[in-house]
Full PDB file with SEQRES, HELIX, SHEET, SSBOND, CRYST1, ORIGX, SCALE, CONECT and MASTER records, all heavy atoms in Angstrom:
SEQRES   1 A   45  GLU LYS GLY LEU ALA PHE LEU ILE GLU ALA THR GLU PRO          
SEQRES   2 A   45  LEU ASP LEU ASP LEU VAL LEU LEU GLY ASP GLY PRO ASP          
SEQRES   3 A   45  ARG SER ASP LEU ILE HIS ARG ALA HIS HIS ARG VAL GLN          
SEQRES   4 A   45  PHE GLN PRO GLU LEU PRO                                      
HELIX    1 AA1 LEU A    4  THR A   11  1                                   8    
HELIX    2 AA2 ARG A   27  ARG A   33  1                                   7    
SHEET    1 AA1 2 LEU A  18  LEU A  21  0                                        
SHEET    2 AA1 2 VAL A  38  GLN A  41  1                                        
CRYST1    1.000    1.000    1.000  90.00  90.00  90.00 P 1           1          
ORIGX1      1.000000  0.000000  0.000000        0.00000                         
ORIGX2      0.000000  1.000000  0.000000        0.00000                         
ORIGX3      0.000000  0.000000  1.000000        0.00000                         
SCALE1      1.000000  0.000000  0.000000        0.00000                         
SCALE2      0.000000  1.000000  0.000000        0.00000                         
SCALE3      0.000000  0.000000  1.000000        0.00000                         
ATOM      1  N   GLU A   1       1.950  82.441  35.580  1.00  0.00           N  
ATOM      2  CA  GLU A   1       1.257  83.717  35.199  1.00  0.00           C  
ATOM      3  C   GLU A   1       0.838  83.756  33.782  1.00  0.00           C  
ATOM      4  O   GLU A   1       0.028  84.618  33.382  1.00  0.00           O  
ATOM      5  CB  GLU A   1       2.323  84.912  35.555  1.00  0.00           C  
ATOM      6  CG  GLU A   1       3.477  84.918  34.813  1.00  0.00           C  
ATOM      7  CD  GLU A   1       4.668  84.221  35.346  1.00  0.00           C  
ATOM      8  OE1 GLU A   1       4.457  83.503  36.320  1.00  0.00           O  
ATOM      9  OE2 GLU A   1       5.776  84.629  35.005  1.00  0.00           O  
ATOM     10  N   LYS A   2       1.296  82.883  32.940  1.00  0.00           N  
ATOM     11  CA  LYS A   2       0.947  82.832  31.496  1.00  0.00           C  
ATOM     12  C   LYS A   2      -0.452  82.141  31.387  1.00  0.00           C  
ATOM     13  O   LYS A   2      -1.060  82.201  30.210  1.00  0.00           O  
ATOM     14  CB  LYS A   2       1.907  82.199  30.620  1.00  0.00           C  
ATOM     15  CG  LYS A   2       3.256  82.934  30.750  1.00  0.00           C  
ATOM     16  CD  LYS A   2       3.159  84.281  30.254  1.00  0.00           C  
ATOM     17  CE  LYS A   2       4.477  85.154  30.219  1.00  0.00           C  
ATOM     18  NZ  LYS A   2       4.346  86.550  29.764  1.00  0.00           N  
ATOM     19  N   GLY A   3      -0.966  81.620  32.374  1.00  0.00           N  
ATOM     20  CA  GLY A   3      -2.339  80.976  32.337  1.00  0.00           C  
ATOM     21  C   GLY A   3      -2.484  79.856  31.410  1.00  0.00           C  
ATOM     22  O   GLY A   3      -3.577  79.490  30.828  1.00  0.00           O  
ATOM     23  N   LEU A   4      -1.437  79.142  31.150  1.00  0.00           N  
ATOM     24  CA  LEU A   4      -1.590  77.956  30.036  1.00  0.00           C  
ATOM     25  C   LEU A   4      -2.348  76.742  30.556  1.00  0.00           C  
ATOM     26  O   LEU A   4      -2.957  76.042  29.682  1.00  0.00           O  
ATOM     27  CB  LEU A   4      -0.131  77.450  29.808  1.00  0.00           C  
ATOM     28  CG  LEU A   4       0.772  78.597  29.128  1.00  0.00           C  
ATOM     29  CD1 LEU A   4       2.186  77.949  28.847  1.00  0.00           C  
ATOM     30  CD2 LEU A   4       0.161  79.173  27.921  1.00  0.00           C  
ATOM     31  N   ALA A   5      -2.499  76.559  31.872  1.00  0.00           N  
ATOM     32  CA  ALA A   5      -3.437  75.490  32.293  1.00  0.00           C  
ATOM     33  C   ALA A   5      -4.778  75.831  31.899  1.00  0.00           C  
ATOM     34  O   ALA A   5      -5.638  74.953  31.479  1.00  0.00           O  
ATOM     35  CB  ALA A   5      -3.264  75.446  33.842  1.00  0.00           C  
ATOM     36  N   PHE A   6      -5.176  77.102  31.898  1.00  0.00           N  
ATOM     37  CA  PHE A   6      -6.604  77.417  31.460  1.00  0.00           C  
ATOM     38  C   PHE A   6      -6.688  77.227  30.033  1.00  0.00           C  
ATOM     39  O   PHE A   6      -7.751  76.888  29.565  1.00  0.00           O  
ATOM     40  CB  PHE A   6      -6.825  78.934  31.946  1.00  0.00           C  
ATOM     41  CG  PHE A   6      -6.954  79.229  33.355  1.00  0.00           C  
ATOM     42  CD1 PHE A   6      -5.750  79.687  34.045  1.00  0.00           C  
ATOM     43  CD2 PHE A   6      -8.039  78.875  34.128  1.00  0.00           C  
ATOM     44  CE1 PHE A   6      -5.821  79.986  35.366  1.00  0.00           C  
ATOM     45  CE2 PHE A   6      -8.048  79.166  35.492  1.00  0.00           C  
ATOM     46  CZ  PHE A   6      -6.972  79.772  36.109  1.00  0.00           C  
ATOM     47  N   LEU A   7      -5.676  77.524  29.286  1.00  0.00           N  
ATOM     48  CA  LEU A   7      -5.701  77.386  27.769  1.00  0.00           C  
ATOM     49  C   LEU A   7      -5.966  75.957  27.429  1.00  0.00           C  
ATOM     50  O   LEU A   7      -6.598  75.480  26.540  1.00  0.00           O  
ATOM     51  CB  LEU A   7      -4.378  77.961  27.160  1.00  0.00           C  
ATOM     52  CG  LEU A   7      -4.305  77.916  25.651  1.00  0.00           C  
ATOM     53  CD1 LEU A   7      -5.519  78.631  25.027  1.00  0.00           C  
ATOM     54  CD2 LEU A   7      -3.029  78.477  25.165  1.00  0.00           C  
ATOM     55  N   ILE A   8      -5.130  75.077  28.151  1.00  0.00           N  
ATOM     56  CA  ILE A   8      -5.350  73.586  27.807  1.00  0.00           C  
ATOM     57  C   ILE A   8      -6.783  73.180  28.176  1.00  0.00           C  
ATOM     58  O   ILE A   8      -7.365  72.439  27.421  1.00  0.00           O  
ATOM     59  CB  ILE A   8      -4.241  72.797  28.623  1.00  0.00           C  
ATOM     60  CG1 ILE A   8      -2.892  73.097  28.061  1.00  0.00           C  
ATOM     61  CG2 ILE A   8      -4.609  71.273  28.550  1.00  0.00           C  
ATOM     62  CD1 ILE A   8      -1.749  72.403  28.905  1.00  0.00           C  
ATOM     63  N   GLU A   9      -7.256  73.552  29.403  1.00  0.00           N  
ATOM     64  CA  GLU A   9      -8.684  73.209  29.621  1.00  0.00           C  
ATOM     65  C   GLU A   9      -9.702  73.818  28.662  1.00  0.00           C  
ATOM     66  O   GLU A   9     -10.628  73.111  28.228  1.00  0.00           O  
ATOM     67  CB  GLU A   9      -8.924  73.652  31.133  1.00  0.00           C  
ATOM     68  CG  GLU A   9     -10.309  73.253  31.607  1.00  0.00           C  
ATOM     69  CD  GLU A   9     -10.505  73.724  33.001  1.00  0.00           C  
ATOM     70  OE1 GLU A   9      -9.697  74.352  33.677  1.00  0.00           O  
ATOM     71  OE2 GLU A   9     -11.702  73.663  33.460  1.00  0.00           O  
ATOM     72  N   ALA A  10      -9.425  75.004  28.198  1.00  0.00           N  
ATOM     73  CA  ALA A  10     -10.444  75.551  27.369  1.00  0.00           C  
ATOM     74  C   ALA A  10     -10.488  75.081  26.079  1.00  0.00           C  
ATOM     75  O   ALA A  10     -11.659  74.960  25.345  1.00  0.00           O  
ATOM     76  CB  ALA A  10     -10.099  77.129  27.292  1.00  0.00           C  
ATOM     77  N   THR A  11      -9.364  74.536  25.579  1.00  0.00           N  
ATOM     78  CA  THR A  11      -9.432  73.964  24.183  1.00  0.00           C  
ATOM     79  C   THR A  11      -9.751  72.482  24.204  1.00  0.00           C  
ATOM     80  O   THR A  11     -10.031  71.907  23.109  1.00  0.00           O  
ATOM     81  CB  THR A  11      -7.938  74.142  23.585  1.00  0.00           C  
ATOM     82  OG1 THR A  11      -6.952  73.617  24.382  1.00  0.00           O  
ATOM     83  CG2 THR A  11      -7.682  75.593  23.304  1.00  0.00           C  
ATOM     84  N   GLU A  12      -9.843  71.782  25.233  1.00  0.00           N  
ATOM     85  CA  GLU A  12      -9.987  70.377  25.136  1.00  0.00           C  
ATOM     86  C   GLU A  12     -11.151  69.837  24.479  1.00  0.00           C  
ATOM     87  O   GLU A  12     -11.229  68.909  23.746  1.00  0.00           O  
ATOM     88  CB  GLU A  12     -10.015  69.808  26.701  1.00  0.00           C  
ATOM     89  CG  GLU A  12     -10.111  68.265  26.786  1.00  0.00           C  
ATOM     90  CD  GLU A  12      -9.866  67.613  28.099  1.00  0.00           C  
ATOM     91  OE1 GLU A  12      -9.705  68.548  29.078  1.00  0.00           O  
ATOM     92  OE2 GLU A  12      -9.639  66.392  28.100  1.00  0.00           O  
ATOM     93  N   PRO A  13     -12.454  70.544  24.737  1.00  0.00           N  
ATOM     94  CA  PRO A  13     -13.630  69.994  24.031  1.00  0.00           C  
ATOM     95  C   PRO A  13     -13.714  70.534  22.584  1.00  0.00           C  
ATOM     96  O   PRO A  13     -14.635  70.190  21.694  1.00  0.00           O  
ATOM     97  CB  PRO A  13     -14.780  70.718  24.726  1.00  0.00           C  
ATOM     98  CG  PRO A  13     -14.197  71.445  25.950  1.00  0.00           C  
ATOM     99  CD  PRO A  13     -12.703  71.712  25.616  1.00  0.00           C  
ATOM    100  N   LEU A  14     -12.823  71.445  22.027  1.00  0.00           N  
ATOM    101  CA  LEU A  14     -12.844  72.121  20.801  1.00  0.00           C  
ATOM    102  C   LEU A  14     -12.212  71.213  19.693  1.00  0.00           C  
ATOM    103  O   LEU A  14     -11.097  70.528  20.057  1.00  0.00           O  
ATOM    104  CB  LEU A  14     -12.211  73.468  20.850  1.00  0.00           C  
ATOM    105  CG  LEU A  14     -12.811  74.414  21.769  1.00  0.00           C  
ATOM    106  CD1 LEU A  14     -12.103  75.807  21.590  1.00  0.00           C  
ATOM    107  CD2 LEU A  14     -14.373  74.665  21.493  1.00  0.00           C  
ATOM    108  N   ASP A  15     -12.669  71.319  18.418  1.00  0.00           N  
ATOM    109  CA  ASP A  15     -12.002  70.486  17.397  1.00  0.00           C  
ATOM    110  C   ASP A  15     -10.871  71.357  16.678  1.00  0.00           C  
ATOM    111  O   ASP A  15     -10.987  71.960  15.655  1.00  0.00           O  
ATOM    112  CB  ASP A  15     -13.227  70.206  16.356  1.00  0.00           C  
ATOM    113  CG  ASP A  15     -12.636  69.305  15.167  1.00  0.00           C  
ATOM    114  OD1 ASP A  15     -11.636  68.691  15.408  1.00  0.00           O  
ATOM    115  OD2 ASP A  15     -13.287  69.419  14.070  1.00  0.00           O  
ATOM    116  N   LEU A  16      -9.817  71.330  17.481  1.00  0.00           N  
ATOM    117  CA  LEU A  16      -8.723  72.065  16.982  1.00  0.00           C  
ATOM    118  C   LEU A  16      -7.455  71.566  17.637  1.00  0.00           C  
ATOM    119  O   LEU A  16      -7.505  70.993  18.629  1.00  0.00           O  
ATOM    120  CB  LEU A  16      -8.867  73.683  17.237  1.00  0.00           C  
ATOM    121  CG  LEU A  16      -9.356  74.059  18.528  1.00  0.00           C  
ATOM    122  CD1 LEU A  16      -8.262  74.197  19.624  1.00  0.00           C  
ATOM    123  CD2 LEU A  16      -9.832  75.633  18.384  1.00  0.00           C  
ATOM    124  N   ASP A  17      -6.229  72.055  17.099  1.00  0.00           N  
ATOM    125  CA  ASP A  17      -5.050  71.689  17.769  1.00  0.00           C  
ATOM    126  C   ASP A  17      -4.451  72.877  18.529  1.00  0.00           C  
ATOM    127  O   ASP A  17      -4.670  74.001  18.160  1.00  0.00           O  
ATOM    128  CB  ASP A  17      -3.929  71.287  16.636  1.00  0.00           C  
ATOM    129  CG  ASP A  17      -4.294  69.983  15.942  1.00  0.00           C  
ATOM    130  OD1 ASP A  17      -5.027  69.226  16.612  1.00  0.00           O  
ATOM    131  OD2 ASP A  17      -3.881  69.763  14.916  1.00  0.00           O  
ATOM    132  N   LEU A  18      -3.766  72.583  19.637  1.00  0.00           N  
ATOM    133  CA  LEU A  18      -3.118  73.600  20.506  1.00  0.00           C  
ATOM    134  C   LEU A  18      -1.665  73.355  20.446  1.00  0.00           C  
ATOM    135  O   LEU A  18      -1.144  72.242  20.851  1.00  0.00           O  
ATOM    136  CB  LEU A  18      -3.656  73.473  21.840  1.00  0.00           C  
ATOM    137  CG  LEU A  18      -2.886  74.465  22.967  1.00  0.00           C  
ATOM    138  CD1 LEU A  18      -3.055  75.919  22.610  1.00  0.00           C  
ATOM    139  CD2 LEU A  18      -3.450  74.155  24.396  1.00  0.00           C  
ATOM    140  N   VAL A  19      -0.930  74.392  20.057  1.00  0.00           N  
ATOM    141  CA  VAL A  19       0.583  74.277  19.945  1.00  0.00           C  
ATOM    142  C   VAL A  19       1.225  75.116  20.904  1.00  0.00           C  
ATOM    143  O   VAL A  19       0.917  76.402  20.935  1.00  0.00           O  
ATOM    144  CB  VAL A  19       1.029  74.657  18.456  1.00  0.00           C  
ATOM    145  CG1 VAL A  19       2.608  74.430  18.310  1.00  0.00           C  
ATOM    146  CG2 VAL A  19       0.345  73.879  17.478  1.00  0.00           C  
ATOM    147  N   LEU A  20       2.046  74.617  21.837  1.00  0.00           N  
ATOM    148  CA  LEU A  20       2.742  75.255  22.856  1.00  0.00           C  
ATOM    149  C   LEU A  20       4.190  75.140  22.685  1.00  0.00           C  
ATOM    150  O   LEU A  20       4.771  74.303  22.758  1.00  0.00           O  
ATOM    151  CB  LEU A  20       2.375  74.846  24.286  1.00  0.00           C  
ATOM    152  CG  LEU A  20       0.879  74.728  24.696  1.00  0.00           C  
ATOM    153  CD1 LEU A  20       0.726  74.067  26.054  1.00  0.00           C  
ATOM    154  CD2 LEU A  20       0.333  76.071  24.490  1.00  0.00           C  
ATOM    155  N   LEU A  21       4.814  76.336  22.278  1.00  0.00           N  
ATOM    156  CA  LEU A  21       6.237  76.503  21.991  1.00  0.00           C  
ATOM    157  C   LEU A  21       6.965  77.257  23.127  1.00  0.00           C  
ATOM    158  O   LEU A  21       6.546  78.272  23.586  1.00  0.00           O  
ATOM    159  CB  LEU A  21       6.485  77.175  20.713  1.00  0.00           C  
ATOM    160  CG  LEU A  21       7.942  77.294  20.181  1.00  0.00           C  
ATOM    161  CD1 LEU A  21       8.010  77.242  18.721  1.00  0.00           C  
ATOM    162  CD2 LEU A  21       8.720  78.537  20.776  1.00  0.00           C  
ATOM    163  N   GLY A  22       8.064  76.579  23.708  1.00  0.00           N  
ATOM    164  CA  GLY A  22       8.790  77.263  24.769  1.00  0.00           C  
ATOM    165  C   GLY A  22       9.216  76.346  25.892  1.00  0.00           C  
ATOM    166  O   GLY A  22       9.326  75.077  25.544  1.00  0.00           O  
ATOM    167  N   ASP A  23       9.660  76.861  26.915  1.00  0.00           N  
ATOM    168  CA  ASP A  23      10.064  76.073  28.086  1.00  0.00           C  
ATOM    169  C   ASP A  23       9.877  76.894  29.363  1.00  0.00           C  
ATOM    170  O   ASP A  23       9.586  78.094  29.288  1.00  0.00           O  
ATOM    171  CB  ASP A  23      11.650  75.774  27.903  1.00  0.00           C  
ATOM    172  CG  ASP A  23      12.029  74.473  28.726  1.00  0.00           C  
ATOM    173  OD1 ASP A  23      11.257  74.065  29.526  1.00  0.00           O  
ATOM    174  OD2 ASP A  23      13.166  74.174  28.489  1.00  0.00           O  
ATOM    175  N   GLY A  24      10.131  76.250  30.564  1.00  0.00           N  
ATOM    176  CA  GLY A  24       9.958  76.872  31.753  1.00  0.00           C  
ATOM    177  C   GLY A  24       9.611  75.996  32.850  1.00  0.00           C  
ATOM    178  O   GLY A  24       9.403  74.773  32.573  1.00  0.00           O  
ATOM    179  N   PRO A  25       9.635  76.400  34.091  1.00  0.00           N  
ATOM    180  CA  PRO A  25       9.204  75.648  35.284  1.00  0.00           C  
ATOM    181  C   PRO A  25       8.078  74.855  35.238  1.00  0.00           C  
ATOM    182  O   PRO A  25       7.824  73.824  36.025  1.00  0.00           O  
ATOM    183  CB  PRO A  25       9.360  76.712  36.415  1.00  0.00           C  
ATOM    184  CG  PRO A  25       9.065  77.945  35.794  1.00  0.00           C  
ATOM    185  CD  PRO A  25       9.608  77.903  34.479  1.00  0.00           C  
ATOM    186  N   ASP A  26       7.074  75.275  34.598  1.00  0.00           N  
ATOM    187  CA  ASP A  26       5.689  74.549  34.635  1.00  0.00           C  
ATOM    188  C   ASP A  26       5.527  73.531  33.499  1.00  0.00           C  
ATOM    189  O   ASP A  26       4.461  72.942  33.198  1.00  0.00           O  
ATOM    190  CB  ASP A  26       4.508  75.521  34.411  1.00  0.00           C  
ATOM    191  CG  ASP A  26       4.310  76.354  35.650  1.00  0.00           C  
ATOM    192  OD1 ASP A  26       5.030  76.160  36.692  1.00  0.00           O  
ATOM    193  OD2 ASP A  26       3.316  77.083  35.752  1.00  0.00           O  
ATOM    194  N   ARG A  27       6.625  73.293  32.656  1.00  0.00           N  
ATOM    195  CA  ARG A  27       6.579  72.351  31.633  1.00  0.00           C  
ATOM    196  C   ARG A  27       5.954  71.007  31.949  1.00  0.00           C  
ATOM    197  O   ARG A  27       5.141  70.446  31.386  1.00  0.00           O  
ATOM    198  CB  ARG A  27       7.893  72.204  30.880  1.00  0.00           C  
ATOM    199  CG  ARG A  27       7.888  71.296  29.627  1.00  0.00           C  
ATOM    200  CD  ARG A  27       9.160  71.178  28.979  1.00  0.00           C  
ATOM    201  NE  ARG A  27       9.081  70.450  27.826  1.00  0.00           N  
ATOM    202  CZ  ARG A  27       8.845  70.810  26.555  1.00  0.00           C  
ATOM    203  NH1 ARG A  27       8.514  72.077  26.409  1.00  0.00           N  
ATOM    204  NH2 ARG A  27       8.786  70.001  25.614  1.00  0.00           N  
ATOM    205  N   SER A  28       6.490  70.455  33.009  1.00  0.00           N  
ATOM    206  CA  SER A  28       6.147  69.077  33.373  1.00  0.00           C  
ATOM    207  C   SER A  28       4.668  69.111  33.745  1.00  0.00           C  
ATOM    208  O   SER A  28       3.895  68.017  33.496  1.00  0.00           O  
ATOM    209  CB  SER A  28       6.930  68.553  34.627  1.00  0.00           C  
ATOM    210  OG  SER A  28       8.378  68.416  34.169  1.00  0.00           O  
ATOM    211  N   ASP A  29       4.175  70.047  34.474  1.00  0.00           N  
ATOM    212  CA  ASP A  29       2.813  70.110  34.992  1.00  0.00           C  
ATOM    213  C   ASP A  29       1.882  70.216  33.677  1.00  0.00           C  
ATOM    214  O   ASP A  29       0.858  69.704  33.625  1.00  0.00           O  
ATOM    215  CB  ASP A  29       2.553  71.279  35.842  1.00  0.00           C  
ATOM    216  CG  ASP A  29       1.126  71.511  36.398  1.00  0.00           C  
ATOM    217  OD1 ASP A  29       0.644  70.538  37.060  1.00  0.00           O  
ATOM    218  OD2 ASP A  29       0.518  72.449  35.915  1.00  0.00           O  
ATOM    219  N   LEU A  30       2.259  70.998  32.767  1.00  0.00           N  
ATOM    220  CA  LEU A  30       1.504  71.249  31.646  1.00  0.00           C  
ATOM    221  C   LEU A  30       1.378  70.009  30.781  1.00  0.00           C  
ATOM    222  O   LEU A  30       0.275  69.724  30.248  1.00  0.00           O  
ATOM    223  CB  LEU A  30       2.107  72.484  30.728  1.00  0.00           C  
ATOM    224  CG  LEU A  30       1.985  73.771  31.327  1.00  0.00           C  
ATOM    225  CD1 LEU A  30       2.718  74.790  30.533  1.00  0.00           C  
ATOM    226  CD2 LEU A  30       0.598  74.209  31.628  1.00  0.00           C  
ATOM    227  N   ILE A  31       2.523  69.253  30.585  1.00  0.00           N  
ATOM    228  CA  ILE A  31       2.489  67.960  29.908  1.00  0.00           C  
ATOM    229  C   ILE A  31       1.529  66.991  30.622  1.00  0.00           C  
ATOM    230  O   ILE A  31       0.655  66.281  29.953  1.00  0.00           O  
ATOM    231  CB  ILE A  31       3.889  67.466  29.822  1.00  0.00           C  
ATOM    232  CG1 ILE A  31       4.663  68.204  28.885  1.00  0.00           C  
ATOM    233  CG2 ILE A  31       3.763  65.960  29.352  1.00  0.00           C  
ATOM    234  CD1 ILE A  31       6.174  67.797  28.846  1.00  0.00           C  
ATOM    235  N   HIS A  32       1.524  66.994  31.820  1.00  0.00           N  
ATOM    236  CA  HIS A  32       0.575  66.213  32.734  1.00  0.00           C  
ATOM    237  C   HIS A  32      -0.808  66.523  32.423  1.00  0.00           C  
ATOM    238  O   HIS A  32      -1.777  65.673  32.391  1.00  0.00           O  
ATOM    239  CB  HIS A  32       0.849  66.168  34.195  1.00  0.00           C  
ATOM    240  CG  HIS A  32       0.002  65.473  35.009  1.00  0.00           C  
ATOM    241  ND1 HIS A  32       0.028  64.016  35.108  1.00  0.00           N  
ATOM    242  CD2 HIS A  32      -1.047  65.778  35.868  1.00  0.00           C  
ATOM    243  CE1 HIS A  32      -0.968  63.663  35.897  1.00  0.00           C  
ATOM    244  NE2 HIS A  32      -1.481  64.710  36.441  1.00  0.00           N  
ATOM    245  N   ARG A  33      -1.253  67.847  32.287  1.00  0.00           N  
ATOM    246  CA  ARG A  33      -2.517  68.310  32.050  1.00  0.00           C  
ATOM    247  C   ARG A  33      -3.003  68.129  30.624  1.00  0.00           C  
ATOM    248  O   ARG A  33      -4.237  68.112  30.361  1.00  0.00           O  
ATOM    249  CB  ARG A  33      -2.692  69.734  32.352  1.00  0.00           C  
ATOM    250  CG  ARG A  33      -2.476  70.017  33.943  1.00  0.00           C  
ATOM    251  CD  ARG A  33      -2.416  71.638  34.115  1.00  0.00           C  
ATOM    252  NE  ARG A  33      -2.284  72.028  35.459  1.00  0.00           N  
ATOM    253  CZ  ARG A  33      -3.297  72.280  36.356  1.00  0.00           C  
ATOM    254  NH1 ARG A  33      -4.517  72.242  35.819  1.00  0.00           N  
ATOM    255  NH2 ARG A  33      -3.002  72.564  37.493  1.00  0.00           N  
ATOM    256  N   ALA A  34      -2.006  67.990  29.696  1.00  0.00           N  
ATOM    257  CA  ALA A  34      -2.383  68.060  28.281  1.00  0.00           C  
ATOM    258  C   ALA A  34      -3.324  67.115  27.723  1.00  0.00           C  
ATOM    259  O   ALA A  34      -3.293  65.979  28.132  1.00  0.00           O  
ATOM    260  CB  ALA A  34      -1.177  68.092  27.396  1.00  0.00           C  
ATOM    261  N   HIS A  35      -4.265  67.468  26.944  1.00  0.00           N  
ATOM    262  CA  HIS A  35      -5.149  66.509  26.118  1.00  0.00           C  
ATOM    263  C   HIS A  35      -4.305  66.058  24.937  1.00  0.00           C  
ATOM    264  O   HIS A  35      -3.286  66.538  24.597  1.00  0.00           O  
ATOM    265  CB  HIS A  35      -6.489  67.074  25.979  1.00  0.00           C  
ATOM    266  CG  HIS A  35      -6.534  68.501  25.146  1.00  0.00           C  
ATOM    267  ND1 HIS A  35      -6.333  68.559  23.856  1.00  0.00           N  
ATOM    268  CD2 HIS A  35      -6.620  69.716  25.673  1.00  0.00           C  
ATOM    269  CE1 HIS A  35      -6.325  69.806  23.511  1.00  0.00           C  
ATOM    270  NE2 HIS A  35      -6.449  70.615  24.654  1.00  0.00           N  
ATOM    271  N   HIS A  36      -4.967  65.162  24.194  1.00  0.00           N  
ATOM    272  CA  HIS A  36      -4.342  64.519  23.086  1.00  0.00           C  
ATOM    273  C   HIS A  36      -4.013  65.449  21.950  1.00  0.00           C  
ATOM    274  O   HIS A  36      -3.229  65.082  20.992  1.00  0.00           O  
ATOM    275  CB  HIS A  36      -5.133  63.318  22.582  1.00  0.00           C  
ATOM    276  CG  HIS A  36      -6.308  63.537  21.817  1.00  0.00           C  
ATOM    277  ND1 HIS A  36      -7.493  63.932  22.523  1.00  0.00           N  
ATOM    278  CD2 HIS A  36      -6.592  63.524  20.584  1.00  0.00           C  
ATOM    279  CE1 HIS A  36      -8.501  64.208  21.640  1.00  0.00           C  
ATOM    280  NE2 HIS A  36      -7.911  63.815  20.459  1.00  0.00           N  
ATOM    281  N   ARG A  37      -4.633  66.564  21.907  1.00  0.00           N  
ATOM    282  CA  ARG A  37      -4.446  67.435  20.702  1.00  0.00           C  
ATOM    283  C   ARG A  37      -3.497  68.595  21.068  1.00  0.00           C  
ATOM    284  O   ARG A  37      -3.505  69.679  20.356  1.00  0.00           O  
ATOM    285  CB  ARG A  37      -5.812  67.925  20.227  1.00  0.00           C  
ATOM    286  CG  ARG A  37      -6.523  66.850  19.640  1.00  0.00           C  
ATOM    287  CD  ARG A  37      -7.871  67.304  18.853  1.00  0.00           C  
ATOM    288  NE  ARG A  37      -7.463  67.865  17.711  1.00  0.00           N  
ATOM    289  CZ  ARG A  37      -8.351  68.238  16.645  1.00  0.00           C  
ATOM    290  NH1 ARG A  37      -9.643  68.007  16.809  1.00  0.00           N  
ATOM    291  NH2 ARG A  37      -7.858  68.792  15.473  1.00  0.00           N  
ATOM    292  N   VAL A  38      -2.775  68.505  22.163  1.00  0.00           N  
ATOM    293  CA  VAL A  38      -1.841  69.562  22.577  1.00  0.00           C  
ATOM    294  C   VAL A  38      -0.418  69.017  22.040  1.00  0.00           C  
ATOM    295  O   VAL A  38       0.036  67.916  22.263  1.00  0.00           O  
ATOM    296  CB  VAL A  38      -1.708  69.694  24.067  1.00  0.00           C  
ATOM    297  CG1 VAL A  38      -0.613  70.788  24.412  1.00  0.00           C  
ATOM    298  CG2 VAL A  38      -3.080  70.127  24.685  1.00  0.00           C  
ATOM    299  N   GLN A  39       0.252  69.948  21.398  1.00  0.00           N  
ATOM    300  CA  GLN A  39       1.564  69.711  20.744  1.00  0.00           C  
ATOM    301  C   GLN A  39       2.609  70.575  21.443  1.00  0.00           C  
ATOM    302  O   GLN A  39       2.424  71.854  21.505  1.00  0.00           O  
ATOM    303  CB  GLN A  39       1.611  69.850  19.289  1.00  0.00           C  
ATOM    304  CG  GLN A  39       0.574  69.131  18.462  1.00  0.00           C  
ATOM    305  CD  GLN A  39       0.478  69.517  17.062  1.00  0.00           C  
ATOM    306  OE1 GLN A  39       1.450  70.276  16.509  1.00  0.00           O  
ATOM    307  NE2 GLN A  39      -0.718  69.149  16.376  1.00  0.00           N  
ATOM    308  N   PHE A  40       3.588  69.984  21.980  1.00  0.00           N  
ATOM    309  CA  PHE A  40       4.711  70.730  22.675  1.00  0.00           C  
ATOM    310  C   PHE A  40       5.758  70.805  21.709  1.00  0.00           C  
ATOM    311  O   PHE A  40       6.328  69.835  21.163  1.00  0.00           O  
ATOM    312  CB  PHE A  40       5.139  70.132  23.983  1.00  0.00           C  
ATOM    313  CG  PHE A  40       4.098  70.285  25.053  1.00  0.00           C  
ATOM    314  CD1 PHE A  40       3.117  69.320  25.257  1.00  0.00           C  
ATOM    315  CD2 PHE A  40       4.155  71.364  25.996  1.00  0.00           C  
ATOM    316  CE1 PHE A  40       2.152  69.458  26.246  1.00  0.00           C  
ATOM    317  CE2 PHE A  40       3.277  71.500  27.052  1.00  0.00           C  
ATOM    318  CZ  PHE A  40       2.206  70.447  27.152  1.00  0.00           C  
ATOM    319  N   GLN A  41       6.365  72.183  21.413  1.00  0.00           N  
ATOM    320  CA  GLN A  41       7.481  72.305  20.624  1.00  0.00           C  
ATOM    321  C   GLN A  41       8.617  72.977  21.353  1.00  0.00           C  
ATOM    322  O   GLN A  41       8.393  73.916  22.201  1.00  0.00           O  
ATOM    323  CB  GLN A  41       7.056  73.186  19.431  1.00  0.00           C  
ATOM    324  CG  GLN A  41       6.031  72.474  18.546  1.00  0.00           C  
ATOM    325  CD  GLN A  41       5.707  73.408  17.289  1.00  0.00           C  
ATOM    326  OE1 GLN A  41       6.375  74.536  17.031  1.00  0.00           O  
ATOM    327  NE2 GLN A  41       4.915  72.914  16.450  1.00  0.00           N  
ATOM    328  N   PRO A  42       9.802  72.604  21.085  1.00  0.00           N  
ATOM    329  CA  PRO A  42      11.022  73.303  21.883  1.00  0.00           C  
ATOM    330  C   PRO A  42      11.132  74.693  21.400  1.00  0.00           C  
ATOM    331  O   PRO A  42      10.754  75.117  20.315  1.00  0.00           O  
ATOM    332  CB  PRO A  42      12.050  72.307  21.401  1.00  0.00           C  
ATOM    333  CG  PRO A  42      11.817  71.779  20.210  1.00  0.00           C  
ATOM    334  CD  PRO A  42      10.314  71.606  20.223  1.00  0.00           C  
ATOM    335  N   GLU A  43      11.698  75.482  22.312  1.00  0.00           N  
ATOM    336  CA  GLU A  43      11.964  76.929  21.890  1.00  0.00           C  
ATOM    337  C   GLU A  43      12.813  77.038  20.793  1.00  0.00           C  
ATOM    338  O   GLU A  43      13.693  76.220  20.480  1.00  0.00           O  
ATOM    339  CB  GLU A  43      12.570  77.654  23.161  1.00  0.00           C  
ATOM    340  CG  GLU A  43      13.940  77.030  23.577  1.00  0.00           C  
ATOM    341  CD  GLU A  43      14.460  77.709  24.786  1.00  0.00           C  
ATOM    342  OE1 GLU A  43      14.707  78.879  24.851  1.00  0.00           O  
ATOM    343  OE2 GLU A  43      14.766  77.019  25.776  1.00  0.00           O  
ATOM    344  N   LEU A  44      12.707  78.105  19.975  1.00  0.00           N  
ATOM    345  CA  LEU A  44      13.485  78.406  18.799  1.00  0.00           C  
ATOM    346  C   LEU A  44      14.419  79.579  19.003  1.00  0.00           C  
ATOM    347  O   LEU A  44      14.031  80.509  19.847  1.00  0.00           O  
ATOM    348  CB  LEU A  44      12.542  78.760  17.614  1.00  0.00           C  
ATOM    349  CG  LEU A  44      11.608  77.619  17.011  1.00  0.00           C  
ATOM    350  CD1 LEU A  44      10.614  78.206  15.995  1.00  0.00           C  
ATOM    351  CD2 LEU A  44      12.452  76.522  16.351  1.00  0.00           C  
ATOM    352  N   PRO A  45      15.473  79.624  18.293  1.00  0.00           N  
ATOM    353  CA  PRO A  45      16.319  80.853  18.369  1.00  0.00           C  
ATOM    354  C   PRO A  45      15.376  82.009  17.880  1.00  0.00           C  
ATOM    355  O   PRO A  45      14.593  81.765  16.963  1.00  0.00           O  
ATOM    356  CB  PRO A  45      17.436  80.554  17.326  1.00  0.00           C  
ATOM    357  CG  PRO A  45      17.512  79.033  17.255  1.00  0.00           C  
ATOM    358  CD  PRO A  45      16.040  78.585  17.411  1.00  0.00           C  
TER     359      PRO A  45                                                      
MASTER        0    0    0    2    2    0    0    6  358    1    0    4          
END                                                                             
């Protein structure tokens, strides 16, 4: 429901970095979809 797959797709052609911080059931799927400028960060206190 957070729509992160759309965010990854939307940013792929753009000259910028995408930083995704957190965790959840869709993590593996998002990593599979990610382009080379997506950075995954673990959740913080």
